[in-house]
N, C-alpha and C. Protein backbone atom coordinates (compact mmCIF):
# COMPACT_ATOMS: atom_id res chain seq x y z
N MET A 1 -1.47 -21.86 -18.58
CA MET A 1 -1.08 -20.49 -18.33
C MET A 1 -1.88 -19.56 -19.26
N GLN A 2 -2.32 -18.46 -18.70
CA GLN A 2 -3.13 -17.53 -19.50
C GLN A 2 -2.26 -16.71 -20.44
N THR A 3 -2.89 -16.27 -21.52
CA THR A 3 -2.20 -15.44 -22.49
C THR A 3 -1.99 -14.05 -21.91
N ARG A 4 -0.82 -13.52 -22.12
CA ARG A 4 -0.53 -12.15 -21.69
C ARG A 4 -0.63 -11.24 -22.91
N HIS A 5 -1.10 -10.03 -22.69
CA HIS A 5 -1.34 -9.08 -23.76
C HIS A 5 -0.57 -7.80 -23.52
N THR A 6 -0.19 -7.15 -24.60
CA THR A 6 0.38 -5.81 -24.48
C THR A 6 -0.78 -4.83 -24.33
N MET A 7 -0.48 -3.63 -23.86
CA MET A 7 -1.53 -2.62 -23.74
C MET A 7 -2.07 -2.26 -25.12
N ALA A 8 -1.19 -2.22 -26.13
CA ALA A 8 -1.64 -1.93 -27.50
C ALA A 8 -2.65 -2.98 -27.96
N GLU A 9 -2.41 -4.24 -27.64
CA GLU A 9 -3.35 -5.31 -28.01
C GLU A 9 -4.69 -5.12 -27.30
N LEU A 10 -4.63 -4.81 -26.01
CA LEU A 10 -5.87 -4.61 -25.25
C LEU A 10 -6.66 -3.42 -25.79
N ASN A 11 -5.95 -2.36 -26.11
CA ASN A 11 -6.62 -1.17 -26.64
C ASN A 11 -7.28 -1.44 -27.99
N ALA A 12 -6.75 -2.40 -28.76
CA ALA A 12 -7.27 -2.70 -30.10
C ALA A 12 -8.38 -3.74 -30.11
N LEU A 13 -8.64 -4.40 -28.98
CA LEU A 13 -9.67 -5.44 -28.93
C LEU A 13 -11.06 -4.86 -29.14
N SER A 14 -11.95 -5.66 -29.67
CA SER A 14 -13.35 -5.27 -29.69
C SER A 14 -13.83 -5.15 -28.24
N ALA A 15 -14.95 -4.47 -28.05
CA ALA A 15 -15.49 -4.32 -26.69
C ALA A 15 -15.75 -5.69 -26.07
N GLY A 16 -16.31 -6.61 -26.85
CA GLY A 16 -16.60 -7.95 -26.33
C GLY A 16 -15.34 -8.71 -25.94
N ASP A 17 -14.31 -8.62 -26.76
CA ASP A 17 -13.05 -9.30 -26.44
C ASP A 17 -12.36 -8.64 -25.25
N PHE A 18 -12.46 -7.33 -25.16
CA PHE A 18 -11.90 -6.62 -24.01
C PHE A 18 -12.54 -7.13 -22.71
N VAL A 19 -13.86 -7.28 -22.72
CA VAL A 19 -14.58 -7.78 -21.54
C VAL A 19 -14.19 -9.23 -21.26
N ARG A 20 -14.02 -10.04 -22.31
CA ARG A 20 -13.62 -11.44 -22.12
C ARG A 20 -12.26 -11.53 -21.45
N VAL A 21 -11.32 -10.67 -21.85
CA VAL A 21 -9.96 -10.70 -21.31
C VAL A 21 -9.87 -10.02 -19.94
N ILE A 22 -10.45 -8.85 -19.81
CA ILE A 22 -10.30 -8.04 -18.59
C ILE A 22 -11.38 -8.36 -17.55
N GLY A 23 -12.51 -8.86 -17.98
CA GLY A 23 -13.62 -9.15 -17.06
C GLY A 23 -13.23 -9.96 -15.83
N PRO A 24 -12.45 -11.03 -15.95
CA PRO A 24 -12.10 -11.83 -14.78
C PRO A 24 -11.21 -11.13 -13.73
N VAL A 25 -10.72 -9.95 -14.06
CA VAL A 25 -9.91 -9.21 -13.08
C VAL A 25 -10.75 -8.91 -11.83
N PHE A 26 -12.05 -8.69 -12.03
CA PHE A 26 -12.98 -8.49 -10.91
C PHE A 26 -13.92 -9.68 -10.86
N GLU A 27 -13.94 -10.35 -9.75
CA GLU A 27 -14.66 -11.61 -9.56
C GLU A 27 -16.11 -11.56 -10.03
N HIS A 28 -16.46 -12.36 -11.01
CA HIS A 28 -17.84 -12.50 -11.50
C HIS A 28 -18.51 -11.14 -11.75
N SER A 29 -17.75 -10.17 -12.21
CA SER A 29 -18.28 -8.81 -12.40
C SER A 29 -17.80 -8.21 -13.72
N PRO A 30 -18.16 -8.82 -14.85
CA PRO A 30 -17.70 -8.31 -16.14
C PRO A 30 -18.23 -6.91 -16.48
N TRP A 31 -19.25 -6.46 -15.76
CA TRP A 31 -19.80 -5.12 -16.00
C TRP A 31 -18.75 -4.04 -15.82
N ILE A 32 -17.76 -4.29 -14.97
CA ILE A 32 -16.72 -3.29 -14.72
C ILE A 32 -15.88 -3.11 -15.97
N ALA A 33 -15.45 -4.21 -16.58
CA ALA A 33 -14.69 -4.13 -17.83
C ALA A 33 -15.56 -3.54 -18.94
N GLN A 34 -16.83 -3.93 -18.97
CA GLN A 34 -17.76 -3.43 -20.00
C GLN A 34 -17.86 -1.91 -19.92
N GLU A 35 -18.08 -1.39 -18.72
CA GLU A 35 -18.23 0.06 -18.57
C GLU A 35 -16.92 0.80 -18.80
N THR A 36 -15.81 0.16 -18.53
CA THR A 36 -14.50 0.80 -18.66
C THR A 36 -13.98 0.74 -20.10
N SER A 37 -14.45 -0.19 -20.88
CA SER A 37 -13.98 -0.41 -22.24
C SER A 37 -14.02 0.86 -23.09
N ALA A 38 -15.06 1.64 -22.94
CA ALA A 38 -15.24 2.83 -23.76
C ALA A 38 -14.22 3.92 -23.46
N ARG A 39 -13.49 3.78 -22.37
CA ARG A 39 -12.51 4.80 -21.98
C ARG A 39 -11.14 4.57 -22.62
N ARG A 40 -11.02 3.53 -23.45
CA ARG A 40 -9.75 3.28 -24.13
C ARG A 40 -9.45 4.41 -25.10
N PRO A 41 -8.19 4.61 -25.43
CA PRO A 41 -7.02 3.79 -25.11
C PRO A 41 -6.43 4.13 -23.74
N PHE A 42 -5.78 3.13 -23.17
CA PHE A 42 -5.09 3.29 -21.89
C PHE A 42 -3.59 3.34 -22.15
N GLY A 43 -2.90 4.17 -21.40
CA GLY A 43 -1.47 4.35 -21.60
C GLY A 43 -0.62 3.25 -21.00
N GLY A 44 -1.14 2.57 -20.01
CA GLY A 44 -0.38 1.52 -19.35
C GLY A 44 -1.24 0.81 -18.32
N THR A 45 -0.65 -0.13 -17.62
CA THR A 45 -1.37 -0.94 -16.64
C THR A 45 -1.97 -0.07 -15.54
N ASP A 46 -1.20 0.88 -15.03
CA ASP A 46 -1.72 1.74 -13.95
C ASP A 46 -2.89 2.57 -14.42
N ASP A 47 -2.83 3.04 -15.66
CA ASP A 47 -3.92 3.82 -16.25
C ASP A 47 -5.19 2.96 -16.34
N LEU A 48 -5.05 1.74 -16.83
CA LEU A 48 -6.18 0.83 -16.94
C LEU A 48 -6.72 0.49 -15.56
N LEU A 49 -5.85 0.15 -14.63
CA LEU A 49 -6.29 -0.18 -13.27
C LEU A 49 -7.05 0.99 -12.66
N GLY A 50 -6.52 2.20 -12.82
CA GLY A 50 -7.20 3.38 -12.29
C GLY A 50 -8.59 3.55 -12.87
N ALA A 51 -8.72 3.32 -14.17
CA ALA A 51 -10.02 3.45 -14.83
C ALA A 51 -11.00 2.38 -14.33
N LEU A 52 -10.52 1.16 -14.19
CA LEU A 52 -11.37 0.08 -13.68
C LEU A 52 -11.84 0.38 -12.25
N CYS A 53 -10.91 0.81 -11.41
CA CYS A 53 -11.26 1.13 -10.01
C CYS A 53 -12.19 2.33 -9.95
N ASP A 54 -12.00 3.31 -10.83
CA ASP A 54 -12.92 4.45 -10.89
C ASP A 54 -14.33 4.00 -11.26
N THR A 55 -14.43 3.04 -12.16
CA THR A 55 -15.74 2.50 -12.52
C THR A 55 -16.43 1.95 -11.27
N VAL A 56 -15.68 1.22 -10.44
CA VAL A 56 -16.25 0.69 -9.20
C VAL A 56 -16.59 1.83 -8.24
N ARG A 57 -15.67 2.77 -8.07
CA ARG A 57 -15.93 3.88 -7.14
C ARG A 57 -17.17 4.68 -7.53
N ASN A 58 -17.43 4.80 -8.83
CA ASN A 58 -18.58 5.55 -9.31
C ASN A 58 -19.85 4.71 -9.43
N ALA A 59 -19.76 3.45 -9.10
CA ALA A 59 -20.91 2.55 -9.19
C ALA A 59 -21.89 2.84 -8.05
N SER A 60 -23.09 2.34 -8.19
CA SER A 60 -24.08 2.47 -7.13
C SER A 60 -23.68 1.61 -5.93
N ASP A 61 -24.25 1.92 -4.78
CA ASP A 61 -23.98 1.10 -3.60
C ASP A 61 -24.40 -0.35 -3.83
N ASP A 62 -25.51 -0.56 -4.54
CA ASP A 62 -25.95 -1.93 -4.83
C ASP A 62 -24.94 -2.66 -5.71
N GLN A 63 -24.37 -1.97 -6.71
CA GLN A 63 -23.36 -2.60 -7.57
C GLN A 63 -22.10 -2.94 -6.76
N LYS A 64 -21.70 -2.05 -5.87
CA LYS A 64 -20.52 -2.32 -5.04
C LYS A 64 -20.76 -3.53 -4.15
N LEU A 65 -21.94 -3.60 -3.54
CA LEU A 65 -22.24 -4.76 -2.70
C LEU A 65 -22.31 -6.04 -3.52
N ALA A 66 -22.85 -5.97 -4.72
CA ALA A 66 -22.89 -7.15 -5.58
C ALA A 66 -21.48 -7.61 -5.92
N LEU A 67 -20.57 -6.67 -6.17
CA LEU A 67 -19.17 -7.02 -6.43
C LEU A 67 -18.55 -7.71 -5.22
N ILE A 68 -18.77 -7.16 -4.05
CA ILE A 68 -18.22 -7.76 -2.83
C ILE A 68 -18.81 -9.16 -2.64
N ARG A 69 -20.10 -9.29 -2.81
CA ARG A 69 -20.76 -10.59 -2.60
C ARG A 69 -20.41 -11.62 -3.67
N ALA A 70 -19.83 -11.18 -4.79
CA ALA A 70 -19.42 -12.11 -5.85
C ALA A 70 -18.18 -12.90 -5.46
N HIS A 71 -17.51 -12.51 -4.38
CA HIS A 71 -16.29 -13.18 -3.96
C HIS A 71 -16.60 -14.40 -3.08
N PRO A 72 -15.77 -15.42 -3.19
CA PRO A 72 -15.98 -16.62 -2.37
C PRO A 72 -15.43 -16.40 -0.96
N ASP A 73 -15.95 -17.20 -0.02
CA ASP A 73 -15.35 -17.23 1.31
C ASP A 73 -13.95 -17.83 1.19
N LEU A 74 -13.05 -17.38 2.02
CA LEU A 74 -11.75 -18.02 2.09
C LEU A 74 -11.95 -19.42 2.67
N VAL A 75 -11.38 -20.41 2.02
CA VAL A 75 -11.48 -21.80 2.44
C VAL A 75 -12.96 -22.22 2.49
N GLY A 76 -13.76 -21.63 1.64
CA GLY A 76 -15.18 -21.94 1.63
C GLY A 76 -15.50 -23.10 0.71
N ARG A 77 -16.76 -23.44 0.68
CA ARG A 77 -17.21 -24.55 -0.16
C ARG A 77 -17.68 -24.08 -1.53
N MET A 78 -17.81 -22.76 -1.71
CA MET A 78 -18.29 -22.20 -2.97
C MET A 78 -17.28 -22.51 -4.08
N ALA A 79 -17.79 -22.78 -5.26
CA ALA A 79 -16.91 -23.04 -6.40
C ALA A 79 -16.07 -21.79 -6.68
N LEU A 80 -14.79 -21.97 -6.77
CA LEU A 80 -13.88 -20.85 -6.99
C LEU A 80 -13.63 -20.64 -8.47
N THR A 81 -13.44 -19.38 -8.85
CA THR A 81 -12.97 -19.11 -10.20
C THR A 81 -11.54 -19.60 -10.27
N PRO A 82 -11.01 -19.82 -11.47
CA PRO A 82 -9.61 -20.24 -11.57
C PRO A 82 -8.67 -19.24 -10.88
N GLU A 83 -9.00 -17.95 -10.99
CA GLU A 83 -8.16 -16.92 -10.37
C GLU A 83 -8.15 -17.07 -8.84
N SER A 84 -9.35 -17.18 -8.23
CA SER A 84 -9.43 -17.31 -6.78
C SER A 84 -8.80 -18.60 -6.29
N SER A 85 -9.01 -19.67 -7.02
CA SER A 85 -8.45 -20.96 -6.63
C SER A 85 -6.93 -20.88 -6.57
N GLY A 86 -6.33 -20.30 -7.61
CA GLY A 86 -4.88 -20.16 -7.64
C GLY A 86 -4.36 -19.25 -6.55
N GLU A 87 -5.08 -18.18 -6.28
CA GLU A 87 -4.65 -17.24 -5.24
C GLU A 87 -4.70 -17.87 -3.85
N GLN A 88 -5.78 -18.61 -3.59
CA GLN A 88 -5.88 -19.27 -2.28
C GLN A 88 -4.83 -20.38 -2.15
N ALA A 89 -4.57 -21.10 -3.23
CA ALA A 89 -3.57 -22.16 -3.20
C ALA A 89 -2.18 -21.59 -2.98
N ALA A 90 -1.88 -20.45 -3.61
CA ALA A 90 -0.55 -19.83 -3.47
C ALA A 90 -0.28 -19.42 -2.03
N THR A 91 -1.33 -19.15 -1.28
CA THR A 91 -1.18 -18.76 0.12
C THR A 91 -1.16 -19.99 1.03
N GLY A 92 -1.43 -21.16 0.48
CA GLY A 92 -1.44 -22.38 1.27
C GLY A 92 -2.79 -22.67 1.90
N LEU A 93 -3.82 -21.91 1.50
CA LEU A 93 -5.14 -22.12 2.10
C LEU A 93 -5.78 -23.42 1.65
N ASN A 94 -5.17 -24.08 0.68
CA ASN A 94 -5.68 -25.38 0.24
C ASN A 94 -5.00 -26.54 0.98
N LYS A 95 -4.12 -26.20 1.94
CA LYS A 95 -3.38 -27.23 2.69
C LYS A 95 -3.53 -27.03 4.20
N LEU A 96 -4.71 -26.69 4.63
CA LEU A 96 -4.95 -26.44 6.05
C LEU A 96 -5.29 -27.74 6.78
N THR A 97 -5.00 -27.74 8.07
CA THR A 97 -5.43 -28.86 8.90
C THR A 97 -6.95 -28.78 9.08
N PRO A 98 -7.58 -29.88 9.48
CA PRO A 98 -9.02 -29.82 9.74
C PRO A 98 -9.40 -28.75 10.77
N GLU A 99 -8.55 -28.55 11.75
CA GLU A 99 -8.81 -27.52 12.77
C GLU A 99 -8.75 -26.12 12.16
N GLU A 100 -7.79 -25.90 11.27
CA GLU A 100 -7.68 -24.59 10.62
C GLU A 100 -8.87 -24.34 9.69
N VAL A 101 -9.30 -25.39 8.99
CA VAL A 101 -10.47 -25.26 8.12
C VAL A 101 -11.68 -24.86 8.98
N ALA A 102 -11.85 -25.53 10.11
CA ALA A 102 -12.98 -25.21 11.01
C ALA A 102 -12.89 -23.77 11.51
N LEU A 103 -11.67 -23.30 11.83
CA LEU A 103 -11.48 -21.92 12.28
C LEU A 103 -11.88 -20.94 11.17
N PHE A 104 -11.42 -21.18 9.95
CA PHE A 104 -11.77 -20.31 8.83
C PHE A 104 -13.29 -20.30 8.61
N GLN A 105 -13.90 -21.46 8.66
CA GLN A 105 -15.35 -21.53 8.44
C GLN A 105 -16.10 -20.79 9.55
N CYS A 106 -15.64 -20.89 10.77
CA CYS A 106 -16.26 -20.18 11.90
C CYS A 106 -16.10 -18.67 11.71
N GLN A 107 -14.90 -18.24 11.35
CA GLN A 107 -14.65 -16.81 11.13
C GLN A 107 -15.46 -16.29 9.94
N ASN A 108 -15.50 -17.06 8.85
CA ASN A 108 -16.30 -16.67 7.69
C ASN A 108 -17.76 -16.45 8.10
N GLU A 109 -18.29 -17.37 8.88
CA GLU A 109 -19.70 -17.29 9.30
C GLU A 109 -19.93 -16.08 10.20
N ALA A 110 -19.04 -15.85 11.15
CA ALA A 110 -19.19 -14.69 12.05
C ALA A 110 -19.15 -13.39 11.25
N TYR A 111 -18.23 -13.33 10.31
CA TYR A 111 -18.08 -12.12 9.49
C TYR A 111 -19.33 -11.91 8.62
N ARG A 112 -19.78 -12.97 7.95
CA ARG A 112 -20.93 -12.88 7.07
C ARG A 112 -22.19 -12.51 7.88
N GLN A 113 -22.32 -13.06 9.08
CA GLN A 113 -23.47 -12.73 9.94
C GLN A 113 -23.48 -11.25 10.31
N LYS A 114 -22.31 -10.71 10.60
CA LYS A 114 -22.23 -9.31 11.01
C LYS A 114 -22.41 -8.35 9.84
N PHE A 115 -21.78 -8.64 8.69
CA PHE A 115 -21.73 -7.67 7.61
C PHE A 115 -22.62 -7.99 6.41
N GLY A 116 -23.01 -9.24 6.24
CA GLY A 116 -23.87 -9.60 5.12
C GLY A 116 -23.13 -9.85 3.82
N PHE A 117 -21.83 -10.02 3.90
CA PHE A 117 -21.01 -10.33 2.72
C PHE A 117 -19.74 -11.03 3.18
N PRO A 118 -19.01 -11.65 2.24
CA PRO A 118 -17.82 -12.42 2.63
C PRO A 118 -16.64 -11.53 3.02
N PHE A 119 -15.80 -12.07 3.86
CA PHE A 119 -14.53 -11.43 4.23
C PHE A 119 -13.61 -11.47 3.02
N ILE A 120 -13.12 -10.31 2.62
CA ILE A 120 -12.24 -10.24 1.46
C ILE A 120 -10.90 -9.68 1.90
N ILE A 121 -9.86 -10.41 1.53
CA ILE A 121 -8.50 -9.97 1.76
C ILE A 121 -7.67 -10.47 0.58
N CYS A 122 -6.71 -9.71 0.18
CA CYS A 122 -5.86 -10.11 -0.94
C CYS A 122 -4.94 -11.24 -0.46
N ALA A 123 -5.35 -12.47 -0.74
CA ALA A 123 -4.61 -13.64 -0.25
C ALA A 123 -3.16 -13.63 -0.71
N ARG A 124 -2.91 -13.18 -1.93
CA ARG A 124 -1.54 -13.20 -2.46
C ARG A 124 -0.60 -12.27 -1.70
N LEU A 125 -1.14 -11.31 -0.98
CA LEU A 125 -0.28 -10.39 -0.23
C LEU A 125 -0.26 -10.70 1.26
N ASN A 126 -0.85 -11.84 1.66
CA ASN A 126 -0.93 -12.20 3.07
C ASN A 126 -0.62 -13.67 3.28
N LYS A 127 -0.17 -13.98 4.46
CA LYS A 127 0.04 -15.36 4.88
C LYS A 127 -1.15 -15.78 5.74
N LYS A 128 -1.25 -17.07 5.98
CA LYS A 128 -2.37 -17.63 6.74
C LYS A 128 -2.58 -16.91 8.08
N ASP A 129 -1.52 -16.72 8.85
CA ASP A 129 -1.67 -16.09 10.17
C ASP A 129 -2.14 -14.64 10.06
N ALA A 130 -1.69 -13.92 9.05
CA ALA A 130 -2.13 -12.54 8.85
C ALA A 130 -3.61 -12.50 8.47
N ILE A 131 -4.05 -13.48 7.71
CA ILE A 131 -5.46 -13.54 7.33
C ILE A 131 -6.33 -13.81 8.56
N ILE A 132 -5.91 -14.74 9.38
CA ILE A 132 -6.65 -15.05 10.61
C ILE A 132 -6.70 -13.81 11.52
N ALA A 133 -5.59 -13.13 11.65
CA ALA A 133 -5.56 -11.90 12.45
C ALA A 133 -6.45 -10.82 11.84
N GLY A 134 -6.51 -10.79 10.52
CA GLY A 134 -7.36 -9.83 9.83
C GLY A 134 -8.83 -10.03 10.16
N PHE A 135 -9.26 -11.27 10.26
CA PHE A 135 -10.63 -11.54 10.65
C PHE A 135 -10.93 -10.89 12.00
N ALA A 136 -10.08 -11.19 12.98
CA ALA A 136 -10.32 -10.68 14.34
C ALA A 136 -10.34 -9.15 14.36
N ARG A 137 -9.41 -8.54 13.68
CA ARG A 137 -9.31 -7.07 13.67
C ARG A 137 -10.50 -6.45 12.95
N ARG A 138 -10.83 -6.98 11.80
CA ARG A 138 -11.87 -6.35 10.98
C ARG A 138 -13.28 -6.64 11.49
N LEU A 139 -13.47 -7.69 12.27
CA LEU A 139 -14.78 -7.93 12.87
C LEU A 139 -15.17 -6.81 13.84
N GLN A 140 -14.20 -5.99 14.24
CA GLN A 140 -14.47 -4.87 15.14
C GLN A 140 -14.97 -3.64 14.39
N ASN A 141 -14.87 -3.63 13.07
CA ASN A 141 -15.24 -2.48 12.25
C ASN A 141 -16.75 -2.33 12.10
N SER A 142 -17.16 -1.14 11.66
CA SER A 142 -18.55 -0.92 11.28
C SER A 142 -18.76 -1.50 9.88
N ARG A 143 -20.02 -1.63 9.50
CA ARG A 143 -20.31 -2.15 8.15
C ARG A 143 -19.75 -1.22 7.08
N GLU A 144 -19.87 0.08 7.28
CA GLU A 144 -19.35 1.05 6.31
C GLU A 144 -17.83 0.93 6.18
N GLN A 145 -17.14 0.76 7.32
CA GLN A 145 -15.68 0.57 7.28
C GLN A 145 -15.33 -0.70 6.52
N GLU A 146 -16.12 -1.73 6.70
CA GLU A 146 -15.82 -3.00 6.04
C GLU A 146 -16.13 -2.97 4.55
N ILE A 147 -17.12 -2.23 4.15
CA ILE A 147 -17.38 -2.07 2.72
C ILE A 147 -16.16 -1.39 2.08
N ARG A 148 -15.66 -0.34 2.73
CA ARG A 148 -14.47 0.34 2.20
C ARG A 148 -13.25 -0.58 2.21
N ALA A 149 -13.07 -1.34 3.30
CA ALA A 149 -11.93 -2.26 3.40
C ALA A 149 -12.02 -3.35 2.34
N ALA A 150 -13.22 -3.90 2.14
CA ALA A 150 -13.40 -4.95 1.13
C ALA A 150 -13.07 -4.41 -0.26
N LEU A 151 -13.54 -3.21 -0.58
CA LEU A 151 -13.25 -2.64 -1.89
C LEU A 151 -11.76 -2.39 -2.07
N GLU A 152 -11.09 -1.92 -1.04
CA GLU A 152 -9.63 -1.70 -1.14
C GLU A 152 -8.91 -3.02 -1.38
N GLU A 153 -9.34 -4.09 -0.74
CA GLU A 153 -8.74 -5.40 -0.98
C GLU A 153 -9.04 -5.88 -2.40
N ILE A 154 -10.24 -5.62 -2.88
CA ILE A 154 -10.60 -5.99 -4.25
C ILE A 154 -9.70 -5.26 -5.25
N TYR A 155 -9.40 -3.98 -4.97
CA TYR A 155 -8.51 -3.23 -5.86
C TYR A 155 -7.10 -3.85 -5.87
N LYS A 156 -6.64 -4.34 -4.73
CA LYS A 156 -5.32 -5.00 -4.67
C LYS A 156 -5.35 -6.30 -5.49
N ILE A 157 -6.42 -7.07 -5.33
CA ILE A 157 -6.57 -8.31 -6.09
C ILE A 157 -6.58 -8.01 -7.58
N ALA A 158 -7.35 -7.00 -7.96
CA ALA A 158 -7.46 -6.61 -9.37
C ALA A 158 -6.11 -6.19 -9.92
N SER A 159 -5.35 -5.44 -9.13
CA SER A 159 -4.03 -4.99 -9.58
C SER A 159 -3.13 -6.18 -9.90
N LEU A 160 -3.10 -7.16 -9.02
CA LEU A 160 -2.25 -8.33 -9.24
C LEU A 160 -2.74 -9.15 -10.44
N ARG A 161 -4.04 -9.33 -10.55
CA ARG A 161 -4.58 -10.08 -11.68
C ARG A 161 -4.29 -9.36 -13.00
N LEU A 162 -4.42 -8.04 -13.00
CA LEU A 162 -4.16 -7.27 -14.20
C LEU A 162 -2.70 -7.38 -14.60
N ARG A 163 -1.81 -7.33 -13.63
CA ARG A 163 -0.37 -7.45 -13.92
C ARG A 163 -0.03 -8.85 -14.46
N ASP A 164 -0.82 -9.85 -14.08
CA ASP A 164 -0.65 -11.20 -14.63
C ASP A 164 -1.07 -11.26 -16.10
N LEU A 165 -1.99 -10.40 -16.50
CA LEU A 165 -2.54 -10.41 -17.86
C LEU A 165 -1.75 -9.57 -18.86
N ILE A 166 -1.04 -8.57 -18.33
CA ILE A 166 -0.42 -7.59 -19.23
C ILE A 166 1.09 -7.73 -19.22
N LYS A 167 1.65 -7.73 -20.43
CA LYS A 167 3.12 -7.70 -20.55
C LYS A 167 3.51 -6.29 -20.97
N GLU A 168 4.43 -5.74 -20.23
CA GLU A 168 4.86 -4.36 -20.53
C GLU A 168 6.31 -4.34 -20.93
């Protein structure tokens, strides 16, 4: 189990330690915590989350796409971070039938072919059937709509991960 920190503890960390603790909130993207670190002190979890998300919103389009592409496919073969692994397992995505695995892989490929990045959905807030329906619905979107949708899902994931790290 990971160590939980108070906001006062997070505010008092060195920049490097802040990035070490908060960096994993955004998949393979410690630059977000690095850029947000200088904005301390934060009054609470929502304040910190808002600052982190603002860092992403103010990032270049290339940085946003790199953040999106840093995420693994659902039920994919890519090595998962401990955070992603636990989130997918909590949704039961680690206990699919071979047919369901094939369906996810087919949907992942169709999505990646159309948009050039992985399908992102906050697994902890969805069940398997909702995720499958999400693929079908979101494959109808434009690339710009999907970039916005992916970032909104990333913010949800970050919110849950941050709440796991902070004791209030």
